[in-house]
Amino acid sequence: MLTAAICTWERCLIIMQIRFFLLQNRQGKTRLSKWYVPPPPDLEKPRLESEIHRLVVARDAKHTNFIEFRSYKLIYRRYAGLFFIVGVDLHANELLCLETIHLFVELLDQQFSNVCELDIVFNFNKVYSMLDEYILGGEVQETSKREMLDRIRELEKLE
């Protein structure tokens, strides 16, 4: 379930399974939390998110943005005072995960004109729907910014 392979004799495509997507500020407050796979039963989500935050914040800037953590890998990127963190299986492509994070940040920037933490706090419903248009069931659904922004505008018309 962690990684699926779709193989034809011409090509083999690995589909990355995202376990969770977190957005946290420097103080450790989780601003967005989307879980695609349930966390381990012995840990509750807030405790796990706090542990992840401690690992990411304590990380020296000269190290990579990849951390092996329990049975998965954390890939994160810091934009201003916000940490965008993706939890994936151990064999996922790290650079693809960084691009996944960056594209989501670009979507937020275009939607909110240079997004900040307050935009996310006061428009959390819109941010969650944007994430759902981008990632569904732990898999990236669309990579075209134009297509996703068009879908989001259509959703806004329905509201």
N, C-alpha and C. Protein backbone atom coordinates (compact mmCIF):
# COMPACT_ATOMS: atom_id res chain seq x y z
N MET A 1 0.81 -1.19 0.00
CA MET A 1 0.00 0.00 0.00
C MET A 1 0.86 1.26 0.00
N LEU A 2 2.07 1.17 0.50
CA LEU A 2 2.89 2.37 0.61
C LEU A 2 3.30 2.91 -0.74
N THR A 3 3.70 2.06 -1.64
CA THR A 3 4.10 2.48 -2.97
C THR A 3 3.51 1.51 -3.96
N ALA A 4 2.91 2.04 -4.99
CA ALA A 4 2.34 1.19 -6.03
C ALA A 4 3.15 1.36 -7.30
N ALA A 5 3.33 0.30 -8.02
CA ALA A 5 4.05 0.37 -9.28
C ALA A 5 3.10 0.01 -10.41
N ILE A 6 3.05 0.87 -11.41
CA ILE A 6 2.27 0.60 -12.59
C ILE A 6 3.27 0.32 -13.70
N CYS A 7 3.32 -0.91 -14.15
CA CYS A 7 4.34 -1.29 -15.12
C CYS A 7 3.72 -1.75 -16.43
N THR A 8 4.25 -1.24 -17.49
CA THR A 8 3.99 -1.79 -18.81
C THR A 8 5.35 -2.16 -19.35
N TRP A 9 5.40 -2.83 -20.44
CA TRP A 9 6.72 -3.22 -20.90
C TRP A 9 7.48 -2.04 -21.48
N GLU A 10 6.80 -0.90 -21.72
CA GLU A 10 7.52 0.29 -22.18
C GLU A 10 8.10 1.10 -21.03
N ARG A 11 7.36 1.15 -19.91
CA ARG A 11 7.82 2.00 -18.81
C ARG A 11 7.29 1.47 -17.48
N CYS A 12 7.90 1.92 -16.41
CA CYS A 12 7.45 1.58 -15.07
C CYS A 12 7.35 2.88 -14.28
N LEU A 13 6.18 3.16 -13.74
CA LEU A 13 5.92 4.39 -13.03
C LEU A 13 5.70 4.08 -11.55
N ILE A 14 6.44 4.75 -10.70
CA ILE A 14 6.26 4.58 -9.26
C ILE A 14 5.37 5.72 -8.76
N ILE A 15 4.29 5.37 -8.08
CA ILE A 15 3.38 6.35 -7.52
C ILE A 15 3.73 6.55 -6.06
N MET A 16 4.05 7.78 -5.71
CA MET A 16 4.45 8.11 -4.35
C MET A 16 3.22 8.17 -3.44
N GLN A 17 3.30 7.52 -2.31
CA GLN A 17 2.23 7.56 -1.31
C GLN A 17 2.61 8.56 -0.23
N ILE A 18 1.86 9.63 -0.15
CA ILE A 18 2.07 10.63 0.89
C ILE A 18 1.26 10.18 2.11
N ARG A 19 1.92 10.11 3.25
CA ARG A 19 1.23 9.69 4.47
C ARG A 19 0.55 10.87 5.16
N PHE A 20 1.23 12.01 5.18
CA PHE A 20 0.62 13.20 5.78
C PHE A 20 1.27 14.46 5.23
N PHE A 21 0.55 15.55 5.36
CA PHE A 21 1.03 16.86 4.94
C PHE A 21 0.77 17.81 6.10
N LEU A 22 1.83 18.41 6.61
CA LEU A 22 1.70 19.32 7.76
C LEU A 22 2.23 20.70 7.40
N LEU A 23 1.62 21.70 7.99
CA LEU A 23 2.08 23.07 7.87
C LEU A 23 2.14 23.62 9.29
N GLN A 24 3.36 23.95 9.74
CA GLN A 24 3.56 24.40 11.11
C GLN A 24 4.34 25.70 11.12
N ASN A 25 4.07 26.53 12.14
CA ASN A 25 4.87 27.74 12.28
C ASN A 25 6.09 27.45 13.15
N ARG A 26 6.94 28.46 13.35
CA ARG A 26 8.18 28.26 14.11
C ARG A 26 7.93 27.90 15.56
N GLN A 27 6.80 28.31 16.10
CA GLN A 27 6.48 28.02 17.50
C GLN A 27 5.92 26.62 17.69
N GLY A 28 5.65 25.92 16.61
CA GLY A 28 5.15 24.56 16.72
C GLY A 28 3.65 24.43 16.57
N LYS A 29 2.97 25.52 16.30
CA LYS A 29 1.52 25.49 16.12
C LYS A 29 1.22 24.93 14.73
N THR A 30 0.44 23.87 14.69
CA THR A 30 0.08 23.26 13.41
C THR A 30 -1.05 24.06 12.79
N ARG A 31 -0.80 24.56 11.58
CA ARG A 31 -1.78 25.37 10.87
C ARG A 31 -2.57 24.57 9.85
N LEU A 32 -2.00 23.47 9.39
CA LEU A 32 -2.70 22.59 8.46
C LEU A 32 -2.20 21.18 8.74
N SER A 33 -3.10 20.24 8.82
CA SER A 33 -2.74 18.86 9.11
C SER A 33 -3.66 17.95 8.31
N LYS A 34 -3.10 17.25 7.36
CA LYS A 34 -3.89 16.35 6.52
C LYS A 34 -3.22 14.98 6.57
N TRP A 35 -3.93 13.99 7.09
CA TRP A 35 -3.41 12.63 7.22
C TRP A 35 -4.09 11.74 6.19
N TYR A 36 -3.29 11.07 5.38
CA TYR A 36 -3.82 10.17 4.36
C TYR A 36 -3.74 8.72 4.81
N VAL A 37 -2.87 8.45 5.77
CA VAL A 37 -2.72 7.13 6.37
C VAL A 37 -2.80 7.35 7.88
N PRO A 38 -3.56 6.55 8.60
CA PRO A 38 -3.66 6.76 10.05
C PRO A 38 -2.29 6.67 10.72
N PRO A 39 -2.06 7.50 11.74
CA PRO A 39 -0.78 7.42 12.46
C PRO A 39 -0.71 6.12 13.26
N PRO A 40 0.49 5.76 13.71
CA PRO A 40 0.60 4.55 14.53
C PRO A 40 -0.35 4.63 15.72
N PRO A 41 -0.97 3.51 16.09
CA PRO A 41 -1.99 3.53 17.15
C PRO A 41 -1.48 3.96 18.52
N ASP A 42 -0.18 3.80 18.77
CA ASP A 42 0.35 4.17 20.08
C ASP A 42 0.57 5.68 20.23
N LEU A 43 0.46 6.41 19.15
CA LEU A 43 0.69 7.86 19.21
C LEU A 43 -0.55 8.62 18.78
N GLU A 44 -0.87 9.65 19.50
CA GLU A 44 -1.94 10.51 19.06
C GLU A 44 -1.34 11.59 18.16
N LYS A 45 -2.14 12.11 17.26
CA LYS A 45 -1.65 13.06 16.26
C LYS A 45 -0.96 14.29 16.85
N PRO A 46 -1.53 14.97 17.83
CA PRO A 46 -0.83 16.16 18.36
C PRO A 46 0.56 15.85 18.91
N ARG A 47 0.69 14.71 19.57
CA ARG A 47 2.00 14.34 20.11
C ARG A 47 2.99 14.04 18.99
N LEU A 48 2.52 13.36 17.97
CA LEU A 48 3.37 13.05 16.82
C LEU A 48 3.76 14.33 16.08
N GLU A 49 2.81 15.24 15.90
CA GLU A 49 3.10 16.51 15.23
C GLU A 49 4.11 17.33 16.03
N SER A 50 4.00 17.30 17.34
CA SER A 50 4.95 18.00 18.20
C SER A 50 6.35 17.41 18.08
N GLU A 51 6.43 16.11 18.04
CA GLU A 51 7.72 15.43 17.88
C GLU A 51 8.35 15.76 16.52
N ILE A 52 7.53 15.77 15.49
CA ILE A 52 8.02 16.12 14.15
C ILE A 52 8.53 17.56 14.14
N HIS A 53 7.80 18.46 14.77
CA HIS A 53 8.22 19.86 14.82
C HIS A 53 9.57 20.01 15.51
N ARG A 54 9.75 19.32 16.63
CA ARG A 54 11.03 19.41 17.34
C ARG A 54 12.18 18.94 16.46
N LEU A 55 11.97 17.89 15.69
CA LEU A 55 13.02 17.40 14.80
C LEU A 55 13.36 18.41 13.70
N VAL A 56 12.34 18.97 13.10
CA VAL A 56 12.54 19.88 11.97
C VAL A 56 13.18 21.19 12.42
N VAL A 57 12.70 21.77 13.51
CA VAL A 57 13.22 23.05 13.97
C VAL A 57 14.66 22.94 14.46
N ALA A 58 14.99 21.83 15.09
CA ALA A 58 16.33 21.66 15.63
C ALA A 58 17.37 21.34 14.55
N ARG A 59 16.91 21.08 13.36
CA ARG A 59 17.80 20.69 12.26
C ARG A 59 18.65 21.88 11.82
N ASP A 60 19.96 21.66 11.69
CA ASP A 60 20.88 22.69 11.25
C ASP A 60 20.64 22.99 9.76
N ALA A 61 20.79 24.25 9.39
CA ALA A 61 20.51 24.67 8.01
C ALA A 61 21.45 24.04 6.99
N LYS A 62 22.63 23.59 7.43
CA LYS A 62 23.56 22.99 6.46
C LYS A 62 23.26 21.52 6.19
N HIS A 63 22.30 20.95 6.89
CA HIS A 63 21.88 19.57 6.63
C HIS A 63 20.79 19.56 5.55
N THR A 64 20.52 18.37 5.03
CA THR A 64 19.47 18.24 4.02
C THR A 64 18.10 18.42 4.65
N ASN A 65 17.10 18.54 3.82
CA ASN A 65 15.73 18.69 4.29
C ASN A 65 15.01 17.35 4.36
N PHE A 66 15.76 16.28 4.54
CA PHE A 66 15.20 14.94 4.60
C PHE A 66 15.59 14.31 5.93
N ILE A 67 14.61 13.78 6.65
CA ILE A 67 14.87 13.13 7.94
C ILE A 67 14.16 11.79 7.95
N GLU A 68 14.90 10.73 8.26
CA GLU A 68 14.25 9.43 8.45
C GLU A 68 13.69 9.43 9.86
N PHE A 69 12.40 9.15 9.95
CA PHE A 69 11.68 9.24 11.21
C PHE A 69 10.74 8.06 11.32
N ARG A 70 11.01 7.20 12.27
CA ARG A 70 10.23 5.97 12.47
C ARG A 70 10.19 5.16 11.19
N SER A 71 9.00 4.86 10.69
CA SER A 71 8.90 4.02 9.49
C SER A 71 8.71 4.84 8.22
N TYR A 72 8.94 6.14 8.30
CA TYR A 72 8.81 6.96 7.11
C TYR A 72 9.84 8.07 7.08
N LYS A 73 9.80 8.84 6.02
CA LYS A 73 10.75 9.91 5.80
C LYS A 73 10.01 11.24 5.83
N LEU A 74 10.61 12.21 6.51
CA LEU A 74 10.07 13.56 6.54
C LEU A 74 10.84 14.40 5.54
N ILE A 75 10.12 15.07 4.68
CA ILE A 75 10.72 16.01 3.75
C ILE A 75 10.06 17.35 4.05
N TYR A 76 10.87 18.37 4.28
CA TYR A 76 10.31 19.65 4.68
C TYR A 76 11.00 20.80 3.95
N ARG A 77 10.31 21.91 3.97
CA ARG A 77 10.86 23.13 3.41
C ARG A 77 10.32 24.30 4.22
N ARG A 78 11.17 25.25 4.49
CA ARG A 78 10.75 26.41 5.27
C ARG A 78 10.54 27.60 4.33
N TYR A 79 9.39 28.22 4.45
CA TYR A 79 9.08 29.44 3.72
C TYR A 79 8.71 30.48 4.77
N ALA A 80 9.54 31.52 4.89
CA ALA A 80 9.36 32.55 5.92
C ALA A 80 9.27 31.86 7.28
N GLY A 81 8.19 32.02 8.00
CA GLY A 81 8.07 31.42 9.33
C GLY A 81 7.28 30.14 9.34
N LEU A 82 7.05 29.54 8.16
CA LEU A 82 6.23 28.33 8.08
C LEU A 82 7.04 27.15 7.57
N PHE A 83 6.82 26.00 8.19
CA PHE A 83 7.43 24.75 7.74
C PHE A 83 6.37 23.91 7.05
N PHE A 84 6.64 23.55 5.81
CA PHE A 84 5.78 22.64 5.05
C PHE A 84 6.44 21.27 5.13
N ILE A 85 5.76 20.31 5.71
CA ILE A 85 6.34 19.00 6.00
C ILE A 85 5.49 17.91 5.36
N VAL A 86 6.15 17.02 4.63
CA VAL A 86 5.47 15.89 4.01
C VAL A 86 6.08 14.62 4.59
N GLY A 87 5.24 13.69 5.01
CA GLY A 87 5.70 12.39 5.47
C GLY A 87 5.40 11.36 4.39
N VAL A 88 6.44 10.65 3.95
CA VAL A 88 6.29 9.66 2.88
C VAL A 88 6.99 8.37 3.29
N ASP A 89 6.84 7.34 2.47
CA ASP A 89 7.53 6.09 2.76
C ASP A 89 9.03 6.26 2.53
N LEU A 90 9.82 5.34 3.04
CA LEU A 90 11.27 5.47 3.02
C LEU A 90 11.89 5.47 1.62
N HIS A 91 11.19 4.94 0.64
CA HIS A 91 11.78 4.83 -0.70
C HIS A 91 11.28 5.89 -1.65
N ALA A 92 10.60 6.90 -1.14
CA ALA A 92 10.07 7.96 -2.00
C ALA A 92 11.19 8.85 -2.52
N ASN A 93 10.93 9.48 -3.63
CA ASN A 93 11.88 10.40 -4.26
C ASN A 93 11.83 11.74 -3.51
N GLU A 94 12.92 12.09 -2.86
CA GLU A 94 12.97 13.30 -2.04
C GLU A 94 12.77 14.57 -2.87
N LEU A 95 13.39 14.62 -4.05
CA LEU A 95 13.28 15.82 -4.87
C LEU A 95 11.86 16.01 -5.39
N LEU A 96 11.19 14.92 -5.68
CA LEU A 96 9.79 15.00 -6.09
C LEU A 96 8.93 15.55 -4.95
N CYS A 97 9.24 15.14 -3.74
CA CYS A 97 8.50 15.66 -2.58
C CYS A 97 8.75 17.15 -2.38
N LEU A 98 9.99 17.59 -2.56
CA LEU A 98 10.28 19.02 -2.46
C LEU A 98 9.52 19.81 -3.52
N GLU A 99 9.45 19.27 -4.72
CA GLU A 99 8.69 19.93 -5.79
C GLU A 99 7.20 19.95 -5.47
N THR A 100 6.71 18.89 -4.83
CA THR A 100 5.31 18.84 -4.41
C THR A 100 5.01 19.97 -3.43
N ILE A 101 5.89 20.15 -2.47
CA ILE A 101 5.73 21.23 -1.49
C ILE A 101 5.78 22.59 -2.19
N HIS A 102 6.77 22.76 -3.07
CA HIS A 102 6.96 24.06 -3.72
C HIS A 102 5.75 24.43 -4.59
N LEU A 103 5.21 23.46 -5.30
CA LEU A 103 4.04 23.75 -6.13
C LEU A 103 2.84 24.17 -5.28
N PHE A 104 2.67 23.53 -4.13
CA PHE A 104 1.57 23.92 -3.24
C PHE A 104 1.77 25.35 -2.73
N VAL A 105 3.01 25.71 -2.41
CA VAL A 105 3.30 27.08 -1.96
C VAL A 105 3.02 28.08 -3.09
N GLU A 106 3.39 27.72 -4.31
CA GLU A 106 3.09 28.60 -5.45
C GLU A 106 1.59 28.78 -5.64
N LEU A 107 0.83 27.70 -5.45
CA LEU A 107 -0.63 27.80 -5.53
C LEU A 107 -1.18 28.75 -4.46
N LEU A 108 -0.68 28.60 -3.25
CA LEU A 108 -1.11 29.48 -2.17
C LEU A 108 -0.75 30.93 -2.46
N ASP A 109 0.47 31.15 -2.98
CA ASP A 109 0.90 32.51 -3.32
C ASP A 109 0.00 33.14 -4.37
N GLN A 110 -0.35 32.37 -5.38
CA GLN A 110 -1.22 32.92 -6.42
C GLN A 110 -2.63 33.17 -5.91
N GLN A 111 -3.11 32.31 -5.05
CA GLN A 111 -4.47 32.45 -4.53
C GLN A 111 -4.59 33.62 -3.56
N PHE A 112 -3.57 33.81 -2.71
CA PHE A 112 -3.64 34.82 -1.66
C PHE A 112 -2.71 36.00 -1.88
N SER A 113 -2.07 36.10 -3.02
CA SER A 113 -1.12 37.19 -3.32
C SER A 113 -0.06 37.30 -2.22
N ASN A 114 0.92 36.43 -2.31
CA ASN A 114 2.01 36.35 -1.34
C ASN A 114 1.47 35.91 0.02
N VAL A 115 1.20 34.63 0.13
CA VAL A 115 0.55 34.04 1.29
C VAL A 115 1.36 34.24 2.57
N CYS A 116 0.65 34.42 3.67
CA CYS A 116 1.28 34.48 4.98
C CYS A 116 0.48 33.58 5.93
N GLU A 117 0.97 33.45 7.14
CA GLU A 117 0.33 32.56 8.11
C GLU A 117 -1.11 32.96 8.40
N LEU A 118 -1.38 34.25 8.45
CA LEU A 118 -2.74 34.72 8.72
C LEU A 118 -3.71 34.34 7.61
N ASP A 119 -3.24 34.33 6.37
CA ASP A 119 -4.10 33.89 5.26
C ASP A 119 -4.55 32.45 5.48
N ILE A 120 -3.63 31.63 5.95
CA ILE A 120 -3.93 30.22 6.17
C ILE A 120 -4.88 30.05 7.36
N VAL A 121 -4.65 30.83 8.41
CA VAL A 121 -5.50 30.74 9.60
C VAL A 121 -6.93 31.17 9.30
N PHE A 122 -7.09 32.29 8.59
CA PHE A 122 -8.43 32.83 8.35
C PHE A 122 -9.14 32.23 7.14
N ASN A 123 -8.41 31.52 6.31
CA ASN A 123 -9.00 30.89 5.12
C ASN A 123 -8.71 29.40 5.10
N PHE A 124 -8.73 28.77 6.27
CA PHE A 124 -8.33 27.36 6.34
C PHE A 124 -9.20 26.45 5.48
N ASN A 125 -10.49 26.76 5.35
CA ASN A 125 -11.36 25.93 4.50
C ASN A 125 -10.89 25.94 3.05
N LYS A 126 -10.53 27.12 2.57
CA LYS A 126 -10.05 27.26 1.20
C LYS A 126 -8.71 26.54 1.03
N VAL A 127 -7.84 26.65 2.03
CA VAL A 127 -6.53 26.00 1.95
C VAL A 127 -6.69 24.48 1.92
N TYR A 128 -7.58 23.95 2.74
CA TYR A 128 -7.82 22.51 2.72
C TYR A 128 -8.41 22.07 1.38
N SER A 129 -9.32 22.85 0.82
CA SER A 129 -9.88 22.47 -0.48
C SER A 129 -8.82 22.55 -1.58
N MET A 130 -7.90 23.50 -1.47
CA MET A 130 -6.80 23.58 -2.44
C MET A 130 -5.91 22.35 -2.33
N LEU A 131 -5.62 21.95 -1.09
CA LEU A 131 -4.80 20.75 -0.90
C LEU A 131 -5.51 19.52 -1.43
N ASP A 132 -6.82 19.45 -1.25
CA ASP A 132 -7.59 18.31 -1.75
C ASP A 132 -7.63 18.27 -3.28
N GLU A 133 -7.59 19.43 -3.92
CA GLU A 133 -7.53 19.46 -5.38
C GLU A 133 -6.17 18.98 -5.87
N TYR A 134 -5.15 19.18 -5.06
CA TYR A 134 -3.78 18.83 -5.43
C TYR A 134 -3.44 17.39 -5.06
N ILE A 135 -3.72 17.01 -3.82
CA ILE A 135 -3.38 15.68 -3.32
C ILE A 135 -4.66 15.02 -2.82
N LEU A 136 -4.93 13.84 -3.31
CA LEU A 136 -6.13 13.11 -2.92
C LEU A 136 -5.74 11.69 -2.57
N GLY A 137 -6.08 11.26 -1.38
CA GLY A 137 -5.75 9.90 -0.96
C GLY A 137 -4.25 9.64 -0.89
N GLY A 138 -3.47 10.70 -0.69
CA GLY A 138 -2.02 10.53 -0.58
C GLY A 138 -1.29 10.52 -1.90
N GLU A 139 -1.99 10.78 -2.99
CA GLU A 139 -1.36 10.80 -4.31
C GLU A 139 -1.62 12.14 -4.99
N VAL A 140 -0.60 12.66 -5.65
CA VAL A 140 -0.74 13.91 -6.38
C VAL A 140 -1.68 13.67 -7.55
N GLN A 141 -2.72 14.51 -7.65
CA GLN A 141 -3.74 14.34 -8.68
C GLN A 141 -3.52 15.23 -9.89
N GLU A 142 -2.98 16.40 -9.67
CA GLU A 142 -2.82 17.36 -10.75
C GLU A 142 -1.54 18.15 -10.53
N THR A 143 -0.80 18.42 -11.59
CA THR A 143 0.44 19.18 -11.46
C THR A 143 0.40 20.50 -12.21
N SER A 144 -0.69 20.79 -12.87
CA SER A 144 -0.83 22.04 -13.61
C SER A 144 -1.42 23.11 -12.68
N LYS A 145 -0.64 24.17 -12.45
CA LYS A 145 -1.13 25.26 -11.60
C LYS A 145 -2.39 25.89 -12.19
N ARG A 146 -2.37 26.11 -13.48
CA ARG A 146 -3.52 26.74 -14.13
C ARG A 146 -4.78 25.90 -13.94
N GLU A 147 -4.65 24.60 -14.14
CA GLU A 147 -5.81 23.71 -13.99
C GLU A 147 -6.33 23.72 -12.56
N MET A 148 -5.43 23.66 -11.59
CA MET A 148 -5.86 23.66 -10.19
C MET A 148 -6.50 24.98 -9.79
N LEU A 149 -5.93 26.10 -10.24
CA LEU A 149 -6.52 27.40 -9.91
C LEU A 149 -7.89 27.56 -10.56
N ASP A 150 -8.05 27.04 -11.78
CA ASP A 150 -9.37 27.07 -12.43
C ASP A 150 -10.38 26.26 -11.63
N ARG A 151 -9.98 25.10 -11.15
CA ARG A 151 -10.88 24.27 -10.33
C ARG A 151 -11.26 24.97 -9.03
N ILE A 152 -10.29 25.63 -8.43
CA ILE A 152 -10.54 26.33 -7.17
C ILE A 152 -11.51 27.49 -7.40
N ARG A 153 -11.34 28.20 -8.50
CA ARG A 153 -12.28 29.29 -8.83
C ARG A 153 -13.69 28.75 -9.06
N GLU A 154 -13.78 27.60 -9.69
CA GLU A 154 -15.10 26.98 -9.90
C GLU A 154 -15.73 26.60 -8.56
N LEU A 155 -14.92 26.09 -7.64
CA LEU A 155 -15.44 25.75 -6.30
C LEU A 155 -15.91 27.00 -5.56
N GLU A 156 -15.18 28.10 -5.73
CA GLU A 156 -15.56 29.35 -5.07
C GLU A 156 -16.91 29.86 -5.60
N LYS A 157 -17.17 29.64 -6.87
CA LYS A 157 -18.45 30.06 -7.44
C LYS A 157 -19.61 29.28 -6.83
N LEU A 158 -19.35 28.03 -6.45
CA LEU A 158 -20.40 27.20 -5.87
C LEU A 158 -20.73 27.60 -4.43
N GLU A 159 -19.80 28.26 -3.76
CA GLU A 159 -20.01 28.62 -2.35
C GLU A 159 -20.93 29.79 -2.17
